[in-house]
Amino acid sequence: MAKQAIENEEVLKRLNILIALNLQSLSKKKEELDTRGQIAFLSSLKLKANEIAEILGKTSNYVNKELFYIRKDNK
């Protein structure tokens, strides 16, 4: 059971790396996404703030603050 949990964490870590690399690639190609844009994009994919923070290498507090302003701007 513990081995399965470790393997799941490894897979999750690798998936987070792939997501982050795809975001960087998207930013370099056609759409310049700043950090707030990346957070908005990941949030639209129904990721939680702590998952977004892990992917982008930011704190959960930072991501929550940005999500607040994103939601505020959308009203």
Protein backbone atom coordinates (compact mmCIF):
# COMPACT_ATOMS: atom_id res chain seq x y z
CA MET A 1 0.00 0.00 0.00
CA ALA A 2 2.78 2.44 0.89
CA LYS A 3 4.61 1.54 -2.31
CA GLN A 4 1.47 2.38 -4.32
CA ALA A 5 1.20 5.77 -2.62
CA ILE A 6 4.83 6.55 -3.45
CA GLU A 7 4.29 5.53 -7.07
CA ASN A 8 1.17 7.70 -7.27
CA GLU A 9 3.12 10.69 -5.93
CA GLU A 10 5.82 10.10 -8.55
CA VAL A 11 3.24 10.01 -11.35
CA LEU A 12 1.56 13.15 -10.01
CA LYS A 13 4.90 14.96 -9.85
CA ARG A 14 5.67 14.04 -13.46
CA LEU A 15 2.23 15.14 -14.63
CA ASN A 16 2.68 18.48 -12.87
CA ILE A 17 6.00 18.92 -14.66
CA LEU A 18 4.36 18.18 -18.02
CA ILE A 19 1.58 20.69 -17.33
CA ALA A 20 4.11 23.36 -16.37
CA LEU A 21 6.17 22.69 -19.50
CA ASN A 22 3.06 22.92 -21.68
CA LEU A 23 2.15 26.25 -20.10
CA GLN A 24 5.63 27.58 -20.82
CA SER A 25 5.40 26.36 -24.39
CA LEU A 26 2.01 28.01 -24.85
CA SER A 27 3.38 31.27 -23.47
CA LYS A 28 6.31 31.25 -25.88
CA LYS A 29 4.27 30.48 -28.99
CA LYS A 30 1.26 32.67 -29.56
CA GLU A 31 -0.42 33.63 -26.33
CA GLU A 32 1.63 35.53 -23.81
CA LEU A 33 0.27 34.23 -20.54
CA ASP A 34 1.50 35.97 -17.43
CA THR A 35 1.27 34.22 -14.10
CA ARG A 36 -2.30 35.42 -13.56
CA GLY A 37 -3.25 34.13 -17.01
CA GLN A 38 -1.70 30.76 -16.22
CA ILE A 39 -3.59 30.61 -12.93
CA ALA A 40 -6.84 31.53 -14.68
CA PHE A 41 -6.23 28.86 -17.34
CA LEU A 42 -5.47 26.13 -14.79
CA SER A 43 -8.45 27.18 -12.69
CA SER A 44 -10.69 26.86 -15.74
CA LEU A 45 -9.53 23.23 -15.91
CA LYS A 46 -11.04 22.79 -12.43
CA LEU A 47 -7.71 22.46 -10.63
CA LYS A 48 -7.63 23.45 -6.96
CA ALA A 49 -5.53 26.35 -5.74
CA ASN A 50 -3.01 24.08 -4.04
CA GLU A 51 -2.62 22.03 -7.24
CA ILE A 52 -2.07 25.21 -9.27
CA ALA A 53 0.47 26.42 -6.72
CA GLU A 54 2.39 23.17 -6.96
CA ILE A 55 2.45 23.27 -10.76
CA LEU A 56 3.59 26.90 -10.95
CA GLY A 57 5.96 26.78 -7.99
CA LYS A 58 4.03 29.44 -6.09
CA THR A 59 2.46 29.44 -2.64
CA SER A 60 -1.19 28.56 -2.13
CA ASN A 61 -1.72 32.01 -0.61
CA TYR A 62 -0.38 33.67 -3.76
CA VAL A 63 -2.62 31.58 -6.00
CA ASN A 64 -5.68 32.24 -3.83
CA LYS A 65 -4.98 35.98 -3.96
CA GLU A 66 -4.71 35.90 -7.75
CA LEU A 67 -7.90 33.82 -8.03
CA PHE A 68 -9.68 36.45 -5.94
CA TYR A 69 -8.64 39.20 -8.36
CA ILE A 70 -9.46 37.04 -11.40
CA ARG A 71 -12.98 36.43 -10.09
CA LYS A 72 -13.34 40.10 -9.14
CA ASP A 73 -12.31 41.23 -12.65
CA ASN A 74 -14.79 38.79 -14.24
CA LYS A 75 -17.77 40.40 -12.49
